[in-house]
């Protein structure tokens, strides 16, 4: 069986869309799926641009959030069957854990991890699949694999604010906007959105932000302190992935228990700098691994919020691309032209 897929052969160079890639036979614990929609995350942007350091797995495939249909299951797979519709996620779930697979293009081996999604078909590990909840369209469903689990997960699992709290979100991509939508469910008295794109700031207001800050024209730390009467916010979420924004998010929280949670990271050689005295004064900083989400529990929960109209995730999908346009999607993401690029493989809806 042959397929088309985008392959990273060299970091710093565009992905190559290849035809006639040979799909391997399934190993125990693996599942063959047909991809319907795949989101494009900053993680893939960092990988392609060489910002994750040396890449020992070249050439390899990319992508870690998608919606898909199951075509075949390998030996030992018990949780799924042919024709099931699933969400693919990089966050490990229940079932067999198969860390890698290998495809072939002629005599050349192409590597892949437990899940990849920039391809017409994919061989994935059983534990990277979650049943598609009813009432969630396939395009929106792809966002549940990373953006929603990470962004909304930070709010509902890591922070768990209440209506008396103040919260700021730095960076309004897929993760940041998902976090903002989830935070609005808690009716925080002050909900601040920080970005440099006016369209995203306008969308933040629609999603419940009480204040927005264009950090290209205003110092966000100073402005947040003005909004909070000098105290700083109870919580900040950093989703821009830059040293400067992580530091600003930390500086923006109040002394005596304010917490900064960051979900993205800069290039490996870049390090954040914080004042140790802030830690002594009770400020906290914490990294988040996928919003501390349990896909089997959190995807159905977030799907219910979506069905109830409380997470209008379809508004994040501002532009769709074909697989042949994958490099354009990455460029648009890098240039902040889109919230969450969506690669469309079919128009099937359920």
Foldseek 3Di string as FASTA:
>chain_A
DWWWFFKQADAQDGTDTDTGKADDDDDAQKFKWFFFKFWDDVVVLCRNNCLQPDDPQPTEAAGFWTKTFTCQHHPPFDPDGHGFIWIFAPDFADTDADFWDWIDDPPDIYIYTQDHHRIRMDIHGSRRIEGDDPPAKRQLRRLLRFQQLQQLLLCVPVPVDAQAFAEEEEDQFSNRVSNLLNVVVRNHVAYEYEEQDPVSQVVSVVSPHPYYDNVVVDPVLVVLCVVVVNFAGQEYEYEPADLVRQASRQSRFGFDRREYEYEHHGRPVDDHDDDVVSVVRHYYYYYDDSSPDHSNPVVVVVVVCVVVVSRVSVVQAPDEDESVCVSVQSVCVVVVVGRIYMYGDDPDID
